[in-house]
Amino acid sequence: MRRPKPPLFLARAPYRRRRLRDAARLLPVVGIFLLLLPLLWTPDSRVALRSGDVIYFFLVWLGLIGVAAAFAPGLRGGDGTDDEED
């Protein structure tokens, strides 16, 4: 009879740093979706930006800058031991 394998231990700091890198890689995709969203809610087939759309564009842009700035300290190098991926 086999012994059950012990649970895999993942250190918190490298795990969180890896998840933060994953979120940072996903940020441009979310940003493009949010910036293209006004094209989906236009009532007619013409593409005409209104003042509300421009304000929305700049708010999303500032929000993306803020989120990227919040991610930046966590993405700064670490001890370098967890950089080896697959």
C-alpha atoms as a PDB file:
ATOM      1  CA  MET A   1       0.000   0.000   0.000  1.00  0.00           C
ATOM      2  CA  ARG A   2       1.320   3.428  -0.963  1.00  0.00           C
ATOM      3  CA  ARG A   3       1.791   6.227   1.452  1.00  0.00           C
ATOM      4  CA  PRO A   4      -0.203   9.362   0.603  1.00  0.00           C
ATOM      5  CA  LYS A   5       1.883  12.204  -0.734  1.00  0.00           C
ATOM      6  CA  PRO A   6       2.314  15.151   1.602  1.00  0.00           C
ATOM      7  CA  PRO A   7       0.541  18.308   0.482  1.00  0.00           C
ATOM      8  CA  LEU A   8       2.534  20.597  -1.770  1.00  0.00           C
ATOM      9  CA  PHE A   9       3.819  23.581   0.165  1.00  0.00           C
ATOM     10  CA  LEU A  10       4.024  26.884  -1.655  1.00  0.00           C
ATOM     11  CA  ALA A  11       5.712  29.768   0.094  1.00  0.00           C
ATOM     12  CA  ARG A  12       3.489  32.809   0.357  1.00  0.00           C
ATOM     13  CA  ALA A  13       5.801  35.477  -1.045  1.00  0.00           C
ATOM     14  CA  PRO A  14       6.686  33.774  -4.357  1.00  0.00           C
ATOM     15  CA  TYR A  15       3.093  32.606  -4.791  1.00  0.00           C
ATOM     16  CA  ARG A  16       1.714  36.109  -4.325  1.00  0.00           C
ATOM     17  CA  ARG A  17       4.407  37.596  -6.554  1.00  0.00           C
ATOM     18  CA  ARG A  18       3.494  35.099  -9.290  1.00  0.00           C
ATOM     19  CA  ARG A  19      -0.224  35.931  -8.995  1.00  0.00           C
ATOM     20  CA  LEU A  20       0.611  39.641  -9.098  1.00  0.00           C
ATOM     21  CA  ARG A  21       2.600  39.096 -12.305  1.00  0.00           C
ATOM     22  CA  ASP A  22      -0.373  37.218 -13.750  1.00  0.00           C
ATOM     23  CA  ALA A  23      -2.668  40.128 -12.888  1.00  0.00           C
ATOM     24  CA  ALA A  24      -0.202  42.593 -14.408  1.00  0.00           C
ATOM     25  CA  ARG A  25      -0.136  40.558 -17.623  1.00  0.00           C
ATOM     26  CA  LEU A  26      -3.929  40.612 -17.733  1.00  0.00           C
ATOM     27  CA  LEU A  27      -4.141  44.386 -17.149  1.00  0.00           C
ATOM     28  CA  PRO A  28      -3.630  45.408 -20.825  1.00  0.00           C
ATOM     29  CA  VAL A  29      -6.377  43.017 -21.948  1.00  0.00           C
ATOM     30  CA  VAL A  30      -8.799  44.433 -19.389  1.00  0.00           C
ATOM     31  CA  GLY A  31      -7.736  47.950 -20.385  1.00  0.00           C
ATOM     32  CA  ILE A  32      -8.392  47.360 -24.079  1.00  0.00           C
ATOM     33  CA  PHE A  33     -11.809  45.907 -23.262  1.00  0.00           C
ATOM     34  CA  LEU A  34     -12.698  48.887 -21.062  1.00  0.00           C
ATOM     35  CA  LEU A  35     -11.470  51.380 -23.663  1.00  0.00           C
ATOM     36  CA  LEU A  36     -13.452  49.724 -26.444  1.00  0.00           C
ATOM     37  CA  LEU A  37     -16.600  49.457 -24.344  1.00  0.00           C
ATOM     38  CA  PRO A  38     -18.073  52.820 -25.530  1.00  0.00           C
ATOM     39  CA  LEU A  39     -18.183  51.395 -29.053  1.00  0.00           C
ATOM     40  CA  LEU A  40     -20.556  48.698 -27.825  1.00  0.00           C
ATOM     41  CA  TRP A  41     -23.049  51.050 -26.218  1.00  0.00           C
ATOM     42  CA  THR A  42     -23.474  53.460 -29.143  1.00  0.00           C
ATOM     43  CA  PRO A  43     -27.117  53.260 -30.253  1.00  0.00           C
ATOM     44  CA  ASP A  44     -26.497  53.594 -33.987  1.00  0.00           C
ATOM     45  CA  SER A  45     -23.927  52.073 -36.289  1.00  0.00           C
ATOM     46  CA  ARG A  46     -21.923  55.322 -36.559  1.00  0.00           C
ATOM     47  CA  VAL A  47     -18.866  55.697 -34.397  1.00  0.00           C
ATOM     48  CA  ALA A  48     -19.174  59.114 -32.810  1.00  0.00           C
ATOM     49  CA  LEU A  49     -17.619  59.887 -29.473  1.00  0.00           C
ATOM     50  CA  ARG A  50     -19.626  62.106 -27.196  1.00  0.00           C
ATOM     51  CA  SER A  51     -18.348  64.131 -24.282  1.00  0.00           C
ATOM     52  CA  GLY A  52     -19.361  61.401 -21.826  1.00  0.00           C
ATOM     53  CA  ASP A  53     -17.367  58.875 -23.818  1.00  0.00           C
ATOM     54  CA  VAL A  54     -14.277  61.077 -23.713  1.00  0.00           C
ATOM     55  CA  ILE A  55     -14.634  61.556 -19.946  1.00  0.00           C
ATOM     56  CA  TYR A  56     -15.067  57.772 -19.575  1.00  0.00           C
ATOM     57  CA  PHE A  57     -11.938  57.219 -21.688  1.00  0.00           C
ATOM     58  CA  PHE A  58      -9.803  59.456 -19.470  1.00  0.00           C
ATOM     59  CA  LEU A  59     -11.228  57.972 -16.250  1.00  0.00           C
ATOM     60  CA  VAL A  60     -10.403  54.449 -17.454  1.00  0.00           C
ATOM     61  CA  TRP A  61      -6.969  55.626 -18.532  1.00  0.00           C
ATOM     62  CA  LEU A  62      -6.292  57.173 -15.097  1.00  0.00           C
ATOM     63  CA  GLY A  63      -7.669  54.042 -13.415  1.00  0.00           C
ATOM     64  CA  LEU A  64      -5.312  51.816 -15.408  1.00  0.00           C
ATOM     65  CA  ILE A  65      -2.390  54.051 -14.465  1.00  0.00           C
ATOM     66  CA  GLY A  66      -3.420  53.821 -10.805  1.00  0.00           C
ATOM     67  CA  VAL A  67      -3.732  50.036 -10.883  1.00  0.00           C
ATOM     68  CA  ALA A  68      -0.371  49.707 -12.647  1.00  0.00           C
ATOM     69  CA  ALA A  69       1.191  51.999 -10.031  1.00  0.00           C
ATOM     70  CA  ALA A  70      -0.315  49.845  -7.276  1.00  0.00           C
ATOM     71  CA  PHE A  71       1.142  46.699  -8.896  1.00  0.00           C
ATOM     72  CA  ALA A  72       4.608  48.205  -9.412  1.00  0.00           C
ATOM     73  CA  PRO A  73       6.080  47.783  -5.906  1.00  0.00           C
ATOM     74  CA  GLY A  74       5.096  44.117  -5.825  1.00  0.00           C
ATOM     75  CA  LEU A  75       6.567  43.505  -9.270  1.00  0.00           C
ATOM     76  CA  ARG A  76       9.943  44.886  -8.321  1.00  0.00           C
ATOM     77  CA  GLY A  77      12.558  42.156  -8.296  1.00  0.00           C
ATOM     78  CA  GLY A  78      12.691  39.734  -5.439  1.00  0.00           C
ATOM     79  CA  ASP A  79      15.316  37.306  -4.384  1.00  0.00           C
ATOM     80  CA  GLY A  80      15.294  35.817  -7.884  1.00  0.00           C
ATOM     81  CA  THR A  81      14.687  32.233  -6.781  1.00  0.00           C
ATOM     82  CA  ASP A  82      11.184  31.982  -8.217  1.00  0.00           C
ATOM     83  CA  ASP A  83      12.039  33.355 -11.662  1.00  0.00           C
ATOM     84  CA  GLU A  84      12.443  29.882 -13.085  1.00  0.00           C
ATOM     85  CA  GLU A  85       9.155  29.039 -14.755  1.00  0.00           C
ATOM     86  CA  ASP A  86       8.447  25.852 -16.697  1.00  0.00           C
END
